[in-house]
Amino acid sequence: MRRPRGEPGPRAPRPTEGATCAGLGESCFPSDGPLVRALEQERRLRLPPKPPPPLQPLLRGGQRLEAALSCPRFLRYPRQHLISSLAEARPEELTPHVMVLLAQHLARHRLREPQLLEAIAHFLVVQETQLSSKVVQKLVLPFGRLNYLPLEQQFMPCLERILAREAGVAPLATVNILMSLCQLRCLPFRALHFVFSPGFINYISGTPHALIVRRYLSLLDTAVELELPGYRGPRLPRRQQVPIFPQPLITDRARCKYSHKDIVAEGLRQLLGEEKYRQDLTVPPGYCTDFLLCVGSSGAVLPVRTQDPFLPYPPRSCLQGQAASSPTTRDPAQRVVLVLRERWHFCRDGRVLLGSRALRERHLGLMGYQLLPLPFEELESQRGLPQLKSYLRQKLQALGLRWGPEGG
């Protein structure tokens, strides 16, 4: 029977608890109700059980050490983890591969950890007859880089025997070992006789590594000139010598945005004037200096363009154990080198300069340059350019330097 037009139809029943709200797509049951909990529990029971995690193999000391050193994020493992893994390792687990990984880890992250370095030195001595010079160069690398001479008494005699045995087999490895020993001031005369011999120099001249080897030999020749007055063997011919470090080192160029060089340069420019200092000047035999000043006998900072900024090399006098930094009668002007000591120039968490930095400063001092170190802690404490200028003024005045109208 038809319903008359306009007459309301029967009312739809209200949804009760347990029904689904039409058009909303949502359950009208309370989300924390007993029925919902029961349905959720049943759904979970129907799911397949999760497979158990795979059993991790039990790693022994040497294996744990290798696993830690092979991790892409080396610094995830603290030093104590490496030390404990090394202490628990059996002797047969400490293979050349593991020890090379450890040496590379220490060198890469500037970790001057005596226990680990002594373990590498002991391994080198014990395994002397089994190691080639190509492996030895990697094991010796952290000692020179971290400026650490091990306590192992047989360390140097062992290296001298390896160099005597392997020098003619792997020339580049031989020179790399000598570079590390040069940073430690432990150059063996017999090995120097070999690498400076005409036969060795002629041999390396035709190799792909000729330029880098000549650069290393030039540095070794400089070390002989400045630090080994008792050496009477062959030397690198002058025509074979090349500049050692003619530009800022790679680490400085890579971290230039963290360096204090730009703000120090601006401070010197405002304090002294552009004509009274030189930046990034390479002095013979090839060391790049941060900032160089020429100072007269009265302490006046002189315009660099009116002076020869280079001291003669070889130096006129090179006394063993002390820098020849006093002015001579022939050239009364002093050369002062401002040396930036940035955070990455030191071993991590310490105050020991890296071997390459200590070598450069040592040689500049022996050549007669007066060094004025600018440590990163002091530079970081300066708040703005005015404070930095005041800091530089105090540093220069402490050396007796004068500038301006009264200083020339």
Protein backbone atom coordinates (compact mmCIF):
# COMPACT_ATOMS: atom_id res chain seq x y z
CA MET A 1 0.00 0.00 0.00
CA ARG A 2 1.35 3.36 -1.06
CA ARG A 3 2.27 5.90 1.59
CA PRO A 4 0.61 9.23 1.05
CA ARG A 5 2.91 11.97 -0.20
CA GLY A 6 4.39 14.01 2.65
CA GLU A 7 3.73 11.37 5.31
CA PRO A 8 6.91 10.44 7.19
CA GLY A 9 8.03 6.85 6.95
CA PRO A 10 8.94 4.59 9.85
CA ARG A 11 12.03 5.67 11.76
CA ALA A 12 15.19 3.61 11.27
CA PRO A 13 16.43 1.94 14.42
CA ARG A 14 19.45 3.55 16.07
CA PRO A 15 22.69 1.62 15.78
CA THR A 16 23.28 -0.31 18.88
CA GLU A 17 26.65 -1.22 20.41
CA GLY A 18 28.13 -3.88 18.18
CA ALA A 19 26.69 -2.57 14.89
CA THR A 20 28.66 -0.83 12.16
CA CYS A 21 28.00 2.82 11.58
CA ALA A 22 26.75 3.07 7.97
CA GLY A 23 28.73 5.37 5.73
CA LEU A 24 31.52 5.86 8.22
CA GLY A 25 33.40 2.63 7.69
CA GLU A 26 34.29 2.50 11.38
CA SER A 27 33.40 0.06 14.11
CA CYS A 28 31.17 1.48 16.78
CA PHE A 29 32.68 -0.86 19.36
CA PRO A 30 35.00 0.79 21.87
CA SER A 31 38.57 0.32 20.73
CA ASP A 32 39.52 -1.14 24.10
CA GLY A 33 36.38 -3.28 24.47
CA PRO A 34 36.64 -7.01 25.26
CA LEU A 35 35.32 -8.11 21.85
CA VAL A 36 37.88 -6.02 19.94
CA ARG A 37 40.69 -7.38 22.13
CA ALA A 38 39.53 -10.94 21.55
CA LEU A 39 39.38 -10.46 17.77
CA GLU A 40 42.85 -8.88 17.74
CA GLN A 41 44.27 -11.76 19.75
CA GLU A 42 42.71 -14.29 17.36
CA ARG A 43 44.17 -12.44 14.37
CA ARG A 44 47.65 -12.58 15.91
CA LEU A 45 47.34 -16.30 16.58
CA ARG A 46 46.56 -16.93 12.91
CA LEU A 47 49.76 -15.15 11.75
CA PRO A 48 52.80 -17.40 11.11
CA PRO A 49 55.39 -17.14 13.89
CA LYS A 50 58.40 -14.92 13.28
CA PRO A 51 61.57 -16.86 12.45
CA PRO A 52 64.19 -16.70 15.20
CA PRO A 53 67.14 -14.37 14.51
CA PRO A 54 70.15 -16.15 13.01
CA LEU A 55 72.73 -17.23 15.52
CA GLN A 56 75.73 -14.91 15.55
CA PRO A 57 79.01 -16.80 15.28
CA LEU A 58 81.14 -16.65 18.37
CA LEU A 59 84.08 -14.42 17.50
CA ARG A 60 87.39 -14.90 19.22
CA GLY A 61 89.80 -12.09 20.06
CA GLY A 62 91.57 -11.91 16.71
CA GLN A 63 88.32 -12.31 14.77
CA ARG A 64 86.61 -9.63 16.86
CA LEU A 65 89.54 -7.32 16.26
CA GLU A 66 89.38 -7.88 12.50
CA ALA A 67 85.58 -7.42 12.48
CA ALA A 68 85.89 -4.13 14.34
CA LEU A 69 88.63 -2.84 12.05
CA SER A 70 86.78 -3.94 8.91
CA CYS A 71 83.67 -1.98 9.92
CA PRO A 72 83.06 1.04 7.63
CA ARG A 73 82.57 3.25 10.67
CA PHE A 74 85.92 2.73 12.34
CA LEU A 75 85.31 5.01 15.30
CA ARG A 76 82.27 3.01 16.41
CA TYR A 77 84.63 0.90 18.47
CA PRO A 78 86.50 2.66 21.30
CA ARG A 79 90.15 2.03 21.98
CA GLN A 80 89.39 -0.25 24.93
CA HIS A 81 87.43 -2.55 22.63
CA LEU A 82 90.44 -2.87 20.34
CA ILE A 83 92.83 -3.35 23.27
CA SER A 84 90.68 -6.07 24.88
CA SER A 85 90.20 -7.86 21.55
CA LEU A 86 93.94 -7.80 20.95
CA ALA A 87 94.67 -9.07 24.47
CA GLU A 88 92.28 -12.01 24.05
CA ALA A 89 93.63 -13.02 20.64
CA ARG A 90 95.78 -16.11 20.29
CA PRO A 91 99.15 -15.62 18.56
CA GLU A 92 98.06 -17.55 15.46
CA GLU A 93 95.07 -15.20 15.07
CA LEU A 94 97.27 -12.12 14.71
CA THR A 95 97.97 -12.37 11.01
CA PRO A 96 99.74 -9.71 8.91
CA HIS A 97 96.34 -8.76 7.47
CA VAL A 98 94.88 -8.06 10.93
CA MET A 99 97.92 -6.12 12.10
CA VAL A 100 97.99 -4.03 8.89
CA LEU A 101 94.32 -3.16 9.48
CA LEU A 102 95.19 -2.11 13.02
CA ALA A 103 98.14 0.01 11.85
CA GLN A 104 96.04 1.72 9.19
CA HIS A 105 93.27 2.38 11.71
CA LEU A 106 95.64 4.08 14.16
CA ALA A 107 97.30 6.17 11.45
CA ARG A 108 94.03 7.20 9.79
CA HIS A 109 92.39 8.36 13.01
CA ARG A 110 95.54 9.78 14.67
CA LEU A 111 95.17 7.37 17.62
CA ARG A 112 98.43 7.39 19.57
CA GLU A 113 97.61 4.36 21.73
CA PRO A 114 100.86 2.93 23.22
CA GLN A 115 99.48 -0.56 23.95
CA LEU A 116 98.37 -1.07 20.37
CA LEU A 117 101.52 0.45 18.87
CA GLU A 118 103.75 -1.72 21.06
CA ALA A 119 101.78 -4.78 19.94
CA ILE A 120 102.46 -3.89 16.28
CA ALA A 121 106.18 -3.39 17.01
CA HIS A 122 106.38 -6.74 18.82
CA PHE A 123 104.56 -8.51 15.98
CA LEU A 124 107.00 -7.00 13.48
CA VAL A 125 109.98 -8.26 15.47
CA VAL A 126 108.56 -11.76 16.00
CA GLN A 127 107.47 -12.19 12.36
CA GLU A 128 110.54 -10.50 10.83
CA THR A 129 111.52 -13.34 8.51
CA GLN A 130 107.95 -13.80 7.24
CA LEU A 131 107.24 -10.18 6.31
CA SER A 132 108.01 -8.48 3.02
CA SER A 133 108.95 -4.80 2.86
CA LYS A 134 105.57 -4.04 1.26
CA VAL A 135 103.85 -5.25 4.44
CA VAL A 136 106.47 -3.69 6.72
CA GLN A 137 105.91 -0.22 5.22
CA LYS A 138 102.25 -0.43 6.31
CA LEU A 139 103.13 -1.67 9.79
CA VAL A 140 105.70 1.10 10.31
CA LEU A 141 103.46 3.90 8.98
CA PRO A 142 101.68 4.77 12.28
CA PHE A 143 104.95 5.13 14.20
CA GLY A 144 106.19 7.97 12.01
CA ARG A 145 102.78 9.58 11.59
CA LEU A 146 102.02 9.50 15.32
CA ASN A 147 105.55 10.49 16.33
CA TYR A 148 105.92 7.39 18.49
CA LEU A 149 109.18 5.49 18.96
CA PRO A 150 108.32 2.07 20.47
CA LEU A 151 109.98 0.69 23.58
CA GLU A 152 110.64 -2.62 21.80
CA GLN A 153 114.44 -2.79 21.81
CA GLN A 154 114.68 -4.90 18.65
CA PHE A 155 112.46 -2.56 16.62
CA MET A 156 115.27 -0.64 14.89
CA PRO A 157 117.69 -3.59 14.46
CA CYS A 158 114.82 -5.57 12.94
CA LEU A 159 113.99 -2.80 10.44
CA GLU A 160 117.65 -2.43 9.47
CA ARG A 161 117.83 -6.15 8.68
CA ILE A 162 114.61 -6.01 6.65
CA LEU A 163 115.86 -2.98 4.71
CA ALA A 164 119.16 -4.71 3.96
CA ARG A 165 117.30 -7.79 2.73
CA GLU A 166 114.46 -6.15 0.79
CA ALA A 167 115.83 -2.79 -0.41
CA GLY A 168 116.52 -3.93 -3.95
CA VAL A 169 113.23 -5.84 -4.24
CA ALA A 170 110.73 -3.05 -3.52
CA PRO A 171 112.28 0.43 -3.95
CA LEU A 172 109.12 2.40 -3.17
CA ALA A 173 108.44 0.39 0.00
CA THR A 174 112.06 0.95 1.05
CA VAL A 175 111.72 4.72 0.69
CA ASN A 176 108.37 4.69 2.54
CA ILE A 177 109.97 2.89 5.49
CA LEU A 178 112.80 5.43 5.55
CA MET A 179 110.25 8.27 5.50
CA SER A 180 108.63 6.91 8.66
CA LEU A 181 112.04 6.52 10.31
CA CYS A 182 112.97 10.06 9.24
CA GLN A 183 110.03 11.41 11.22
CA LEU A 184 111.33 9.46 14.22
CA ARG A 185 114.93 10.71 13.69
CA CYS A 186 116.16 7.12 13.35
CA LEU A 187 117.71 6.94 9.88
CA PRO A 188 120.06 3.95 9.38
CA PHE A 189 123.24 4.90 7.51
CA ARG A 190 123.43 1.64 5.56
CA ALA A 191 119.97 2.13 4.03
CA LEU A 192 120.83 5.74 3.16
CA HIS A 193 123.93 4.54 1.31
CA PHE A 194 121.69 2.29 -0.77
CA VAL A 195 118.92 4.78 -1.71
CA PHE A 196 121.43 7.53 -2.54
CA SER A 197 123.53 5.22 -4.72
CA PRO A 198 123.64 6.04 -8.45
CA GLY A 199 122.23 2.61 -9.30
CA PHE A 200 119.13 3.09 -7.15
CA ILE A 201 118.53 6.66 -8.39
CA ASN A 202 118.86 5.57 -12.02
CA TYR A 203 116.49 2.67 -11.40
CA ILE A 204 113.70 4.75 -9.88
CA SER A 205 114.00 7.41 -12.59
CA GLY A 206 112.27 5.12 -15.05
CA THR A 207 109.42 4.01 -12.77
CA PRO A 208 105.86 5.45 -12.55
CA HIS A 209 106.62 6.59 -9.00
CA ALA A 210 109.72 8.58 -9.99
CA LEU A 211 108.43 12.01 -8.91
CA ILE A 212 107.14 10.95 -5.49
CA VAL A 213 110.31 8.94 -4.81
CA ARG A 214 112.48 11.93 -5.77
CA ARG A 215 110.44 14.09 -3.41
CA TYR A 216 110.97 11.62 -0.60
CA LEU A 217 114.69 11.35 -1.40
CA SER A 218 114.90 15.16 -1.36
CA LEU A 219 113.42 15.18 2.12
CA LEU A 220 115.80 12.44 3.25
CA ASP A 221 118.71 14.45 1.84
CA THR A 222 117.52 17.49 3.82
CA ALA A 223 117.39 15.38 6.98
CA VAL A 224 120.94 14.19 6.34
CA GLU A 225 122.11 17.77 5.83
CA LEU A 226 120.45 19.13 8.96
CA GLU A 227 120.40 16.22 11.41
CA LEU A 228 123.20 13.80 10.51
CA PRO A 229 126.53 15.67 10.52
CA GLY A 230 128.38 12.36 10.88
CA TYR A 231 127.07 10.91 7.62
CA ARG A 232 129.80 10.59 4.97
CA GLY A 233 128.05 8.50 2.33
CA PRO A 234 126.55 9.42 -1.05
CA ARG A 235 123.97 12.20 -1.31
CA LEU A 236 121.17 13.02 -3.71
CA PRO A 237 122.64 14.94 -6.70
CA ARG A 238 121.41 18.51 -6.93
CA ARG A 239 119.90 17.94 -10.39
CA GLN A 240 117.68 15.23 -8.89
CA GLN A 241 116.37 17.39 -6.02
CA VAL A 242 112.78 18.68 -6.15
CA PRO A 243 110.77 20.86 -3.71
CA ILE A 244 109.60 18.76 -0.77
CA PHE A 245 106.25 20.29 0.18
CA PRO A 246 105.82 23.25 -2.23
CA GLN A 247 102.19 23.91 -1.22
CA PRO A 248 99.97 23.49 1.84
CA LEU A 249 99.45 19.85 2.73
CA ILE A 250 96.38 17.97 1.52
CA THR A 251 94.79 17.85 4.98
CA ASP A 252 95.04 21.64 5.27
CA ARG A 253 93.48 22.16 1.85
CA ALA A 254 90.69 19.70 2.67
CA ARG A 255 89.88 21.45 5.97
CA CYS A 256 90.41 25.02 4.81
CA LYS A 257 86.92 26.07 5.96
CA TYR A 258 87.86 25.06 9.53
CA SER A 259 91.28 26.70 9.41
CA HIS A 260 92.22 29.93 11.17
CA LYS A 261 94.52 31.00 8.32
CA ASP A 262 92.14 33.51 6.72
CA ILE A 263 91.34 35.38 9.92
CA VAL A 264 95.02 35.41 10.98
CA ALA A 265 95.92 36.81 7.54
CA GLU A 266 93.33 39.57 7.97
CA GLY A 267 94.63 40.33 11.46
CA LEU A 268 98.19 40.64 10.17
CA ARG A 269 97.04 42.80 7.28
CA GLN A 270 95.33 45.27 9.60
CA LEU A 271 98.11 45.11 12.19
CA LEU A 272 101.23 45.24 10.01
CA GLY A 273 100.11 46.05 6.49
CA GLU A 274 100.18 43.79 3.44
CA GLU A 275 103.78 44.62 2.56
CA LYS A 276 105.22 43.27 5.84
CA TYR A 277 104.34 39.60 5.65
CA ARG A 278 104.10 36.81 3.09
CA GLN A 279 101.54 34.01 3.20
CA ASP A 280 102.09 30.43 1.95
CA LEU A 281 105.65 31.19 0.86
CA THR A 282 107.74 28.13 -0.03
CA VAL A 283 111.30 28.40 1.25
CA PRO A 284 114.24 26.25 0.12
CA PRO A 285 114.51 23.27 0.05
CA GLY A 286 110.74 23.24 -0.39
CA TYR A 287 108.83 23.81 2.86
CA CYS A 288 105.64 25.86 2.60
CA THR A 289 105.35 28.37 5.45
CA ASP A 290 102.09 29.76 6.82
CA PHE A 291 103.26 33.38 7.37
CA LEU A 292 106.77 34.81 7.10
CA LEU A 293 108.11 38.14 8.44
CA CYS A 294 111.49 39.80 7.91
CA VAL A 295 112.80 41.48 11.06
CA GLY A 296 115.74 43.88 11.28
CA SER A 297 118.42 43.78 13.96
CA SER A 298 116.55 46.48 15.93
CA GLY A 299 113.36 44.38 16.00
CA ALA A 300 111.60 46.38 13.28
CA VAL A 301 109.34 44.42 10.94
CA LEU A 302 110.64 45.22 7.46
CA PRO A 303 108.74 45.25 4.15
CA VAL A 304 109.27 41.86 2.56
CA ARG A 305 109.80 43.38 -0.88
CA THR A 306 112.96 45.13 0.36
CA GLN A 307 114.45 41.90 1.74
CA ASP A 308 115.35 38.46 0.49
CA PRO A 309 112.80 36.37 2.40
CA PHE A 310 114.82 33.17 1.97
CA LEU A 311 117.63 32.02 4.21
CA PRO A 312 120.46 30.29 2.35
CA TYR A 313 120.23 26.54 2.02
CA PRO A 314 122.28 24.61 2.96
CA PRO A 315 122.58 26.87 6.02
CA ARG A 316 125.89 28.59 6.69
CA SER A 317 126.10 26.95 10.09
CA CYS A 318 124.11 23.95 11.27
CA LEU A 319 124.99 22.98 14.82
CA GLN A 320 123.94 19.56 16.04
CA GLY A 321 121.13 19.65 18.57
CA GLN A 322 120.28 23.35 18.24
CA ALA A 323 118.72 25.67 15.69
CA ALA A 324 120.98 28.06 13.82
CA SER A 325 118.53 30.88 14.42
CA SER A 326 120.92 33.59 15.55
CA PRO A 327 121.58 36.37 13.01
CA THR A 328 124.85 36.24 11.13
CA THR A 329 127.14 39.13 10.38
CA ARG A 330 126.49 38.82 6.64
CA ASP A 331 122.70 38.99 6.96
CA PRO A 332 121.47 40.60 10.20
CA ALA A 333 117.77 40.30 9.32
CA GLN A 334 115.83 37.50 11.00
CA ARG A 335 113.06 35.51 9.38
CA VAL A 336 110.15 34.78 11.67
CA VAL A 337 107.67 32.08 10.63
CA LEU A 338 104.22 32.12 12.21
CA VAL A 339 103.17 28.47 12.43
CA LEU A 340 99.48 27.61 12.67
CA ARG A 341 98.97 24.57 14.86
CA GLU A 342 95.46 23.48 13.97
CA ARG A 343 93.51 20.81 15.84
CA TRP A 344 94.21 18.17 13.17
CA HIS A 345 97.97 18.78 13.35
CA PHE A 346 98.05 16.81 16.62
CA CYS A 347 97.44 13.21 17.58
CA ARG A 348 93.86 12.74 18.72
CA ASP A 349 93.13 13.68 22.34
CA GLY A 350 96.71 14.73 23.00
CA ARG A 351 99.33 17.44 22.65
CA VAL A 352 101.80 15.51 20.49
CA LEU A 353 102.37 16.93 17.02
CA LEU A 354 102.02 14.53 14.11
CA GLY A 355 105.35 13.35 12.75
CA SER A 356 105.16 15.34 9.51
CA ARG A 357 104.39 18.58 11.41
CA ALA A 358 107.14 18.03 13.96
CA LEU A 359 109.59 17.28 11.14
CA ARG A 360 108.73 20.49 9.28
CA GLU A 361 109.08 22.67 12.38
CA ARG A 362 112.32 20.94 13.35
CA HIS A 363 113.86 21.50 9.92
CA LEU A 364 112.73 25.12 9.65
CA GLY A 365 114.34 25.80 13.01
CA LEU A 366 117.58 24.09 11.97
CA MET A 367 117.66 26.17 8.79
CA GLY A 368 117.64 29.37 10.86
CA TYR A 369 113.99 30.46 10.88
CA GLN A 370 112.56 31.65 14.18
CA LEU A 371 109.24 29.92 14.81
CA LEU A 372 106.23 31.54 16.46
CA PRO A 373 103.60 28.81 17.07
CA LEU A 374 99.92 29.81 17.15
CA PRO A 375 98.07 26.93 18.92
CA PHE A 376 94.45 26.25 17.98
CA GLU A 377 93.27 26.55 21.61
CA GLU A 378 94.49 30.16 21.76
CA LEU A 379 93.08 31.01 18.33
CA GLU A 380 89.68 29.49 19.15
CA SER A 381 89.44 31.55 22.35
CA GLN A 382 89.59 34.85 20.43
CA ARG A 383 86.13 36.35 19.93
CA GLY A 384 86.23 38.35 16.73
CA LEU A 385 88.89 40.20 14.80
CA PRO A 386 89.62 42.93 17.41
CA GLN A 387 90.53 40.30 20.02
CA LEU A 388 92.61 38.38 17.49
CA LYS A 389 94.58 41.52 16.57
CA SER A 390 95.29 42.14 20.24
CA TYR A 391 96.41 38.51 20.60
CA LEU A 392 98.76 38.78 17.58
CA ARG A 393 100.13 42.09 18.86
CA GLN A 394 101.03 40.48 22.20
CA LYS A 395 102.65 37.50 20.47
CA LEU A 396 104.81 39.67 18.21
CA GLN A 397 105.77 42.09 20.96
CA ALA A 398 106.86 39.16 23.14
CA LEU A 399 109.50 38.44 20.47
CA GLY A 400 110.68 42.06 20.60
CA LEU A 401 109.13 42.97 17.25
CA ARG A 402 108.14 46.56 16.45
CA TRP A 403 106.26 48.07 13.52
CA GLY A 404 104.62 51.32 12.48
CA PRO A 405 106.41 54.66 12.24
CA GLU A 406 108.69 53.86 15.18
CA GLY A 407 109.38 50.33 13.98
CA GLY A 408 110.24 51.05 10.39
